[in-house]
Amino acid sequence: MAWNEPGGGRNNNQDPWGGRNDQGPPDIDEVVKKLQERFGGFFNGKKGGNQGGGGTFLLVGVLVLVALLWFISGWYRVEQAEQAVVLRFGEFHEIKTAGLRWNPALVDTIYKVDVNKVFSLPMRATMLTEDQNIVDVDLNVQYRVNDPKLYFLHVNNPELALAHSIESALRHVVGGSVMDKVITEGREAIAIEVEARLQDYLERYQSGLIVTKVNIEDAHPPKEVKAAFDDVLRAQEDEVRLQNEAQAYANGIIPEARGKAKRMLQEADAYKTEVVERAKGEAKRFEQLLSEYKKAPEVTRQRLYLETMESVYGNTTKVMVDVEGGNNIMYLPLDRLVQNASAQQLTDIAKTITMPVKKEPSKQEKNLKGVDRLRQMRDSRRWEGR
């Protein structure tokens, strides 16, 4: 009831606890005692005031049910590949591993993450190369959570930090490479370098992430200049093809040239040996001839003259005959005679040339006979020496 309102057959000067206002302020001890009498039954299962026992049992049942629900809600399961980060009143408390776990609800906050699952983040970026060309790069980064505590607590948005780190690492690597390397054969090396630099950035940021693979799926110039760049690529391919053809031709011609050079060297060595040996033989022959010349100078000179004439006229088709007792020299062009004359004419000419002429032997003929005798003597000595 309100203050100073009538109630219970009491006058208007009574307070809510039945005291009179005209008696001054109520006694504190009396007020506490009345409160204990009024609400004591609520906690002890007795009647307090006008309330009955049914309300007390209902409240106790509700409290027990709430406590049971609170206890049940604290149970949770951590899977085999997961780890759970426990925050107690917003601060890091512990990390739970796989199994059935319990933490007090409304007190602890649980964050679970799969530390074995590999996530994928595709990305496209436009980069400026070292040779001042623009290239569009499509890449895919695969990563997983390595440290759940750092992943949930140290970085506000790990995925955003990862995207910024990828862009920074890619810009650094592509900016230090020429366009041909980025677009053609250098992709794998660039991907490896980007992966190493990206992991260094993530460790520096303490993001709790680890990079497993960086794949550069495509790298191409912007579509506005793609036609011109394709022409350049075709020219480079033609250059490589021509270089390969030239190298193949060189591989075929160089061994052949080396073989010819080796053969020519061998022929030159053989010719050198032949000339030297022939010169040695001629020198030895000259020494032998010198000894014979000392024995018979005139005969030796005549012999040398005849051998020289024999070697000179041996392969000629023209013959000159000196007729003794006359002033004329007979000239016989045998090659023309053979071509123009008939068989009968050739026979007559042969008879005329071979017709014996009786005359006294000349001095030259005597010398020839002497040479023949010397040859016979030499041959006989050689035979006896054998």
Protein backbone atom coordinates (compact mmCIF):
# COMPACT_ATOMS: atom_id res chain seq x y z
CA MET A 1 0.00 0.00 0.00
CA ALA A 2 1.03 3.65 -0.40
CA TRP A 3 2.32 5.80 2.32
CA ASN A 4 -0.31 7.26 4.75
CA GLU A 5 -3.17 5.39 3.03
CA PRO A 6 -5.84 3.65 5.10
CA GLY A 7 -5.80 -0.07 5.32
CA GLY A 8 -6.39 -2.94 7.71
CA GLY A 9 -8.65 -0.94 10.10
CA ARG A 10 -5.76 1.39 10.90
CA ASN A 11 -5.80 5.17 10.94
CA ASN A 12 -4.25 7.39 8.33
CA ASN A 13 -1.12 7.96 10.37
CA GLN A 14 0.18 4.43 9.92
CA ASP A 15 3.20 3.51 7.65
CA PRO A 16 3.39 0.39 5.43
CA TRP A 17 4.74 -1.71 8.27
CA GLY A 18 1.90 -0.68 10.72
CA GLY A 19 3.82 1.99 12.59
CA ARG A 20 2.39 5.33 13.45
CA ASN A 21 3.72 8.46 11.85
CA ASP A 22 3.07 10.59 14.81
CA GLN A 23 5.57 8.59 16.80
CA GLY A 24 8.63 9.81 14.81
CA PRO A 25 10.97 7.81 12.56
CA PRO A 26 10.64 4.01 12.83
CA ASP A 27 13.19 1.94 14.66
CA ILE A 28 15.76 0.39 12.29
CA ASP A 29 15.93 -2.88 14.19
CA GLU A 30 12.18 -3.20 14.09
CA VAL A 31 12.10 -2.61 10.34
CA VAL A 32 14.77 -5.29 9.69
CA LYS A 33 12.95 -7.72 11.92
CA LYS A 34 9.67 -7.22 10.09
CA LEU A 35 11.42 -7.69 6.73
CA GLN A 36 12.91 -10.94 7.94
CA GLU A 37 9.50 -12.13 9.09
CA ARG A 38 7.90 -11.13 5.81
CA PHE A 39 10.45 -12.67 3.39
CA GLY A 40 12.07 -15.29 5.57
CA GLY A 41 9.50 -17.89 4.68
CA PHE A 42 10.32 -17.48 1.01
CA PHE A 43 13.81 -18.91 1.52
CA ASN A 44 12.96 -21.36 4.32
CA GLY A 45 9.89 -22.92 2.72
CA LYS A 46 7.56 -21.23 5.20
CA LYS A 47 4.80 -18.74 4.67
CA GLY A 48 5.88 -15.19 4.43
CA GLY A 49 3.26 -12.52 4.42
CA ASN A 50 0.28 -13.61 2.35
CA GLN A 51 2.29 -15.90 -0.12
CA GLY A 52 1.75 -19.64 -0.11
CA GLY A 53 4.22 -22.54 -0.54
CA GLY A 54 3.27 -23.22 -4.20
CA GLY A 55 5.16 -20.18 -5.54
CA THR A 56 8.32 -21.20 -3.73
CA PHE A 57 8.44 -24.68 -5.30
CA LEU A 58 7.80 -23.25 -8.76
CA LEU A 59 10.70 -20.82 -8.48
CA VAL A 60 13.04 -23.54 -7.26
CA GLY A 61 12.04 -25.75 -10.18
CA VAL A 62 12.72 -22.98 -12.65
CA LEU A 63 16.13 -22.37 -11.16
CA VAL A 64 17.00 -26.07 -11.34
CA LEU A 65 15.85 -26.24 -14.96
CA VAL A 66 17.91 -23.20 -15.89
CA ALA A 67 20.95 -24.65 -14.16
CA LEU A 68 20.48 -27.94 -15.99
CA LEU A 69 20.17 -26.22 -19.35
CA TRP A 70 23.23 -24.14 -18.58
CA PHE A 71 25.22 -27.24 -17.73
CA ILE A 72 24.08 -29.10 -20.83
CA SER A 73 24.85 -26.15 -23.10
CA GLY A 74 28.46 -26.19 -21.93
CA TRP A 75 29.19 -29.50 -23.66
CA TYR A 76 30.60 -29.51 -27.20
CA ARG A 77 32.65 -31.77 -29.50
CA VAL A 78 35.96 -30.94 -31.15
CA GLU A 79 36.52 -32.99 -34.31
CA GLN A 80 39.73 -34.84 -35.08
CA ALA A 81 41.07 -32.22 -37.49
CA GLU A 82 39.89 -29.27 -35.39
CA GLN A 83 41.22 -27.18 -32.57
CA ALA A 84 39.09 -24.97 -30.29
CA VAL A 85 40.22 -21.62 -28.92
CA VAL A 86 38.62 -20.85 -25.51
CA LEU A 87 38.08 -17.25 -24.46
CA ARG A 88 37.04 -16.62 -20.85
CA PHE A 89 35.39 -13.27 -20.36
CA GLY A 90 36.91 -12.19 -23.70
CA GLU A 91 40.50 -13.16 -22.90
CA PHE A 92 42.43 -16.16 -24.19
CA HIS A 93 42.17 -19.08 -21.79
CA GLU A 94 43.30 -22.26 -23.57
CA ILE A 95 43.20 -24.38 -26.75
CA LYS A 96 41.13 -27.56 -26.77
CA THR A 97 42.05 -30.52 -28.97
CA ALA A 98 39.85 -33.27 -30.43
CA GLY A 99 37.28 -34.90 -28.13
CA LEU A 100 34.15 -34.18 -26.04
CA ARG A 101 34.76 -30.98 -24.08
CA TRP A 102 32.89 -28.83 -21.52
CA ASN A 103 33.22 -25.18 -20.72
CA PRO A 104 30.86 -23.01 -18.66
CA ALA A 105 28.35 -21.34 -20.93
CA LEU A 106 28.05 -17.55 -20.88
CA VAL A 107 31.50 -17.48 -19.31
CA ASP A 108 33.65 -19.05 -22.03
CA THR A 109 33.44 -18.41 -25.76
CA ILE A 110 34.52 -21.21 -28.11
CA TYR A 111 35.98 -20.75 -31.62
CA LYS A 112 36.66 -23.91 -33.58
CA VAL A 113 38.77 -24.18 -36.75
CA ASP A 114 39.89 -27.04 -38.99
CA VAL A 115 43.71 -26.91 -38.96
CA ASN A 116 44.06 -29.57 -41.69
CA LYS A 117 41.66 -28.09 -44.21
CA VAL A 118 43.31 -26.36 -47.15
CA PHE A 119 41.54 -23.17 -48.19
CA SER A 120 41.82 -21.57 -51.60
CA LEU A 121 41.89 -17.88 -52.45
CA PRO A 122 41.72 -16.97 -56.18
CA MET A 123 42.98 -13.54 -57.12
CA ARG A 124 43.54 -11.38 -60.20
CA ALA A 125 45.90 -8.41 -60.22
CA THR A 126 47.27 -5.97 -62.78
CA MET A 127 51.01 -5.50 -62.36
CA LEU A 128 53.77 -3.36 -63.86
CA THR A 129 56.85 -5.31 -64.96
CA GLU A 130 60.48 -4.28 -64.83
CA ASP A 131 60.50 -3.34 -68.54
CA GLN A 132 57.54 -0.97 -68.05
CA ASN A 133 54.85 -3.30 -69.41
CA ILE A 134 51.44 -4.00 -67.91
CA VAL A 135 50.41 -7.62 -67.35
CA ASP A 136 47.28 -9.21 -65.87
CA VAL A 137 48.07 -12.11 -63.54
CA ASP A 138 45.56 -14.73 -62.38
CA LEU A 139 46.75 -16.80 -59.45
CA ASN A 140 45.35 -19.15 -56.83
CA VAL A 141 46.78 -19.33 -53.31
CA GLN A 142 46.20 -22.41 -51.16
CA TYR A 143 46.65 -22.02 -47.41
CA ARG A 144 45.59 -23.44 -44.05
CA VAL A 145 45.42 -22.33 -40.42
CA ASN A 146 48.65 -23.09 -38.63
CA ASP A 147 48.14 -21.33 -35.28
CA PRO A 148 44.48 -20.95 -34.16
CA LYS A 149 45.36 -18.54 -31.36
CA LEU A 150 47.05 -16.07 -33.71
CA TYR A 151 44.37 -16.65 -36.34
CA PHE A 152 41.50 -15.62 -34.02
CA LEU A 153 43.13 -13.10 -31.71
CA HIS A 154 46.10 -11.39 -33.35
CA VAL A 155 44.67 -10.34 -36.73
CA ASN A 156 41.25 -8.75 -37.03
CA ASN A 157 40.57 -10.10 -40.55
CA PRO A 158 43.05 -12.84 -41.57
CA GLU A 159 41.58 -13.30 -45.07
CA LEU A 160 41.88 -9.60 -45.84
CA ALA A 161 45.43 -9.55 -44.50
CA LEU A 162 46.20 -12.56 -46.71
CA ALA A 163 44.81 -10.81 -49.81
CA HIS A 164 46.88 -7.70 -49.14
CA SER A 165 49.98 -9.83 -48.56
CA ILE A 166 49.43 -11.70 -51.84
CA GLU A 167 49.14 -8.46 -53.77
CA SER A 168 52.25 -7.04 -52.13
CA ALA A 169 54.36 -10.16 -52.76
CA LEU A 170 53.17 -10.44 -56.36
CA ARG A 171 53.87 -6.78 -57.03
CA HIS A 172 57.40 -7.12 -55.67
CA VAL A 173 58.26 -10.22 -57.73
CA VAL A 174 56.58 -9.20 -61.00
CA GLY A 175 57.98 -5.69 -60.69
CA GLY A 176 61.47 -7.18 -60.72
CA SER A 177 60.87 -9.39 -63.79
CA VAL A 178 60.52 -8.68 -67.49
CA MET A 179 57.24 -9.32 -69.25
CA ASP A 180 58.51 -12.23 -71.34
CA LYS A 181 59.53 -14.12 -68.22
CA VAL A 182 56.17 -13.51 -66.53
CA ILE A 183 54.10 -14.61 -69.52
CA THR A 184 56.15 -17.50 -70.90
CA GLU A 185 58.67 -19.79 -69.28
CA GLY A 186 59.19 -17.93 -65.98
CA ARG A 187 55.82 -18.59 -64.34
CA GLU A 188 56.95 -21.47 -62.16
CA ALA A 189 59.97 -19.59 -60.83
CA ILE A 190 57.83 -16.52 -60.14
CA ALA A 191 55.23 -18.64 -58.29
CA ILE A 192 57.95 -20.12 -56.06
CA GLU A 193 59.35 -16.68 -55.28
CA VAL A 194 55.88 -15.27 -54.55
CA GLU A 195 55.15 -18.18 -52.19
CA ALA A 196 58.34 -17.60 -50.20
CA ARG A 197 57.80 -13.86 -49.92
CA LEU A 198 54.10 -14.30 -49.02
CA GLN A 199 54.94 -16.71 -46.22
CA ASP A 200 57.48 -14.24 -44.88
CA TYR A 201 54.82 -11.51 -44.80
CA LEU A 202 52.30 -13.75 -43.00
CA GLU A 203 54.84 -14.73 -40.36
CA ARG A 204 55.72 -11.09 -39.87
CA TYR A 205 52.04 -10.22 -39.37
CA GLN A 206 51.58 -13.24 -37.03
CA SER A 207 48.43 -14.18 -38.89
CA GLY A 208 48.48 -17.86 -37.93
CA LEU A 209 48.29 -18.88 -41.62
CA ILE A 210 50.69 -21.00 -43.65
CA VAL A 211 50.86 -21.04 -47.47
CA THR A 212 50.88 -24.50 -49.04
CA LYS A 213 50.94 -23.64 -52.75
CA VAL A 214 50.87 -20.67 -55.11
CA ASN A 215 49.70 -21.36 -58.66
CA ILE A 216 49.95 -18.76 -61.41
CA GLU A 217 47.11 -19.91 -63.63
CA ASP A 218 47.43 -17.28 -66.34
CA ALA A 219 49.46 -14.21 -67.21
CA HIS A 220 48.66 -12.13 -70.25
CA PRO A 221 48.85 -8.55 -71.45
CA PRO A 222 45.74 -6.38 -71.38
CA LYS A 223 43.31 -7.05 -74.21
CA GLU A 224 43.99 -3.61 -75.70
CA VAL A 225 47.55 -4.63 -76.64
CA LYS A 226 47.10 -8.38 -76.92
CA ALA A 227 47.21 -8.43 -80.75
CA ALA A 228 50.53 -6.61 -80.87
CA PHE A 229 51.94 -8.80 -78.15
CA ASP A 230 50.87 -11.94 -80.04
CA ASP A 231 52.86 -10.70 -83.03
CA VAL A 232 55.90 -10.29 -80.81
CA LEU A 233 55.45 -13.79 -79.44
CA ARG A 234 55.23 -15.25 -82.94
CA ALA A 235 58.40 -13.41 -83.92
CA GLN A 236 60.16 -14.81 -80.87
CA GLU A 237 58.96 -18.31 -81.72
CA ASP A 238 60.29 -17.90 -85.26
CA GLU A 239 63.59 -16.75 -83.82
CA VAL A 240 63.84 -19.81 -81.62
CA ARG A 241 62.88 -22.09 -84.52
CA LEU A 242 65.49 -20.59 -86.83
CA GLN A 243 68.12 -20.85 -84.12
CA ASN A 244 67.28 -24.52 -83.66
CA GLU A 245 67.48 -25.14 -87.40
CA ALA A 246 70.82 -23.36 -87.60
CA GLN A 247 72.12 -25.35 -84.67
CA ALA A 248 70.97 -28.59 -86.29
CA TYR A 249 72.71 -27.62 -89.55
CA ALA A 250 75.87 -26.75 -87.62
CA ASN A 251 75.72 -30.06 -85.78
CA GLY A 252 75.60 -31.83 -89.14
CA ILE A 253 78.17 -29.80 -91.09
CA ILE A 254 80.82 -29.30 -88.43
CA PRO A 255 81.65 -33.01 -87.95
CA GLU A 256 81.81 -33.41 -91.73
CA ALA A 257 84.18 -30.45 -92.04
CA ARG A 258 86.31 -31.79 -89.22
CA GLY A 259 86.48 -35.15 -90.99
CA LYS A 260 87.58 -33.50 -94.23
CA ALA A 261 90.19 -31.45 -92.40
CA LYS A 262 91.53 -34.55 -90.69
CA ARG A 263 91.66 -36.42 -93.99
CA MET A 264 93.52 -33.53 -95.65
CA LEU A 265 96.02 -33.46 -92.80
CA GLN A 266 96.60 -37.16 -93.18
CA GLU A 267 97.06 -36.79 -96.95
CA ALA A 268 99.48 -33.93 -96.36
CA ASP A 269 101.47 -36.04 -93.90
CA ALA A 270 101.53 -38.90 -96.40
CA TYR A 271 102.66 -36.57 -99.20
CA LYS A 272 105.32 -35.13 -96.92
CA THR A 273 106.60 -38.59 -96.08
CA GLU A 274 106.56 -39.58 -99.75
CA VAL A 275 108.49 -36.48 -100.85
CA VAL A 276 111.04 -36.84 -98.09
CA GLU A 277 111.58 -40.51 -98.82
CA ARG A 278 111.85 -39.86 -102.55
CA ALA A 279 114.34 -37.07 -101.91
CA LYS A 280 116.35 -39.37 -99.68
CA GLY A 281 116.29 -42.05 -102.37
CA GLU A 282 117.39 -39.62 -105.07
CA ALA A 283 120.15 -38.34 -102.82
CA LYS A 284 121.35 -41.88 -102.21
CA ARG A 285 121.12 -42.63 -105.93
CA PHE A 286 123.12 -39.49 -106.67
CA GLU A 287 125.80 -40.60 -104.22
CA GLN A 288 125.99 -43.97 -105.95
CA LEU A 289 126.09 -42.26 -109.34
CA LEU A 290 128.90 -40.03 -108.13
CA SER A 291 131.07 -43.01 -107.37
CA GLU A 292 130.38 -44.40 -110.85
CA TYR A 293 131.05 -41.00 -112.38
CA LYS A 294 134.44 -40.86 -110.74
CA LYS A 295 135.30 -44.20 -112.28
CA ALA A 296 134.13 -43.32 -115.85
CA PRO A 297 133.12 -39.70 -116.27
CA GLU A 298 132.50 -39.78 -120.03
CA VAL A 299 130.44 -42.92 -119.97
CA THR A 300 128.42 -41.69 -117.03
CA ARG A 301 127.64 -38.38 -118.70
CA GLN A 302 126.50 -40.16 -121.83
CA ARG A 303 124.38 -42.50 -119.78
CA LEU A 304 122.72 -39.63 -117.96
CA TYR A 305 122.05 -37.90 -121.24
CA LEU A 306 120.41 -40.95 -122.73
CA GLU A 307 118.27 -41.59 -119.66
CA THR A 308 117.16 -37.98 -119.69
CA MET A 309 116.23 -38.12 -123.36
CA GLU A 310 114.38 -41.34 -122.73
CA SER A 311 112.30 -39.74 -120.00
CA VAL A 312 111.65 -36.63 -122.11
CA TYR A 313 110.65 -38.37 -125.33
CA GLY A 314 108.96 -41.32 -123.69
CA ASN A 315 105.50 -39.72 -123.65
CA THR A 316 105.70 -37.49 -126.74
CA THR A 317 103.99 -38.09 -130.08
CA LYS A 318 106.51 -36.07 -132.06
CA VAL A 319 109.80 -37.57 -133.25
CA MET A 320 112.76 -35.84 -134.93
CA VAL A 321 115.32 -37.98 -136.73
CA ASP A 322 118.82 -36.66 -137.48
CA VAL A 323 120.01 -38.25 -140.70
CA GLU A 324 123.75 -38.67 -140.74
CA GLY A 325 125.51 -37.11 -143.70
CA GLY A 326 122.79 -34.56 -144.34
CA ASN A 327 121.90 -31.08 -143.28
CA ASN A 328 118.19 -31.69 -142.71
CA ILE A 329 116.34 -33.07 -139.69
CA MET A 330 113.36 -35.32 -140.30
CA TYR A 331 110.26 -34.31 -138.31
CA LEU A 332 107.65 -36.99 -137.76
CA PRO A 333 104.36 -35.79 -136.20
CA LEU A 334 103.12 -39.22 -135.24
CA ASP A 335 99.84 -38.00 -133.74
CA ARG A 336 98.74 -36.34 -136.96
CA LEU A 337 99.98 -39.19 -139.07
CA VAL A 338 97.98 -41.65 -137.04
CA GLN A 339 94.84 -39.52 -137.35
CA ASN A 340 95.05 -38.77 -141.11
CA ALA A 341 96.98 -41.63 -142.70
CA SER A 342 95.55 -44.95 -143.70
CA ALA A 343 96.80 -48.30 -142.53
CA GLN A 344 98.89 -48.84 -145.67
CA GLN A 345 100.53 -45.44 -145.34
CA LEU A 346 101.41 -46.13 -141.72
CA THR A 347 102.97 -49.40 -142.72
CA ASP A 348 105.09 -47.69 -145.40
CA ILE A 349 106.24 -45.02 -142.98
CA ALA A 350 107.19 -47.64 -140.42
CA LYS A 351 109.22 -49.56 -143.01
CA THR A 352 110.97 -46.42 -144.10
CA ILE A 353 111.89 -45.46 -140.55
CA THR A 354 113.01 -48.93 -139.55
CA MET A 355 114.98 -49.61 -142.75
CA PRO A 356 118.54 -50.54 -141.72
CA VAL A 357 121.29 -48.22 -142.82
CA LYS A 358 124.75 -49.61 -143.11
CA LYS A 359 127.29 -47.23 -141.79
CA GLU A 360 130.18 -47.06 -139.48
CA PRO A 361 129.36 -46.86 -135.83
CA SER A 362 129.67 -43.35 -134.55
CA LYS A 363 131.34 -42.25 -131.37
CA GLN A 364 127.96 -41.98 -129.68
CA GLU A 365 127.09 -45.56 -130.54
CA LYS A 366 130.39 -46.71 -129.17
CA ASN A 367 129.63 -44.89 -125.96
CA LEU A 368 126.23 -46.58 -125.82
CA LYS A 369 127.86 -49.96 -126.20
CA GLY A 370 130.19 -49.05 -123.35
CA VAL A 371 127.22 -48.12 -121.22
CA ASP A 372 125.59 -51.45 -121.99
CA ARG A 373 128.72 -53.29 -120.98
CA LEU A 374 128.83 -51.33 -117.71
CA ARG A 375 125.22 -52.24 -117.02
CA GLN A 376 125.93 -55.90 -117.67
CA MET A 377 128.95 -55.81 -115.35
CA ARG A 378 126.93 -54.10 -112.64
CA ASP A 379 124.10 -56.60 -112.96
CA SER A 380 126.50 -59.50 -112.79
CA ARG A 381 128.11 -58.11 -109.64
CA ARG A 382 124.73 -57.74 -108.01
CA TRP A 383 123.88 -61.29 -108.93
CA GLU A 384 127.15 -62.59 -107.47
CA GLY A 385 126.56 -60.56 -104.31
CA ARG A 386 123.22 -62.31 -103.83
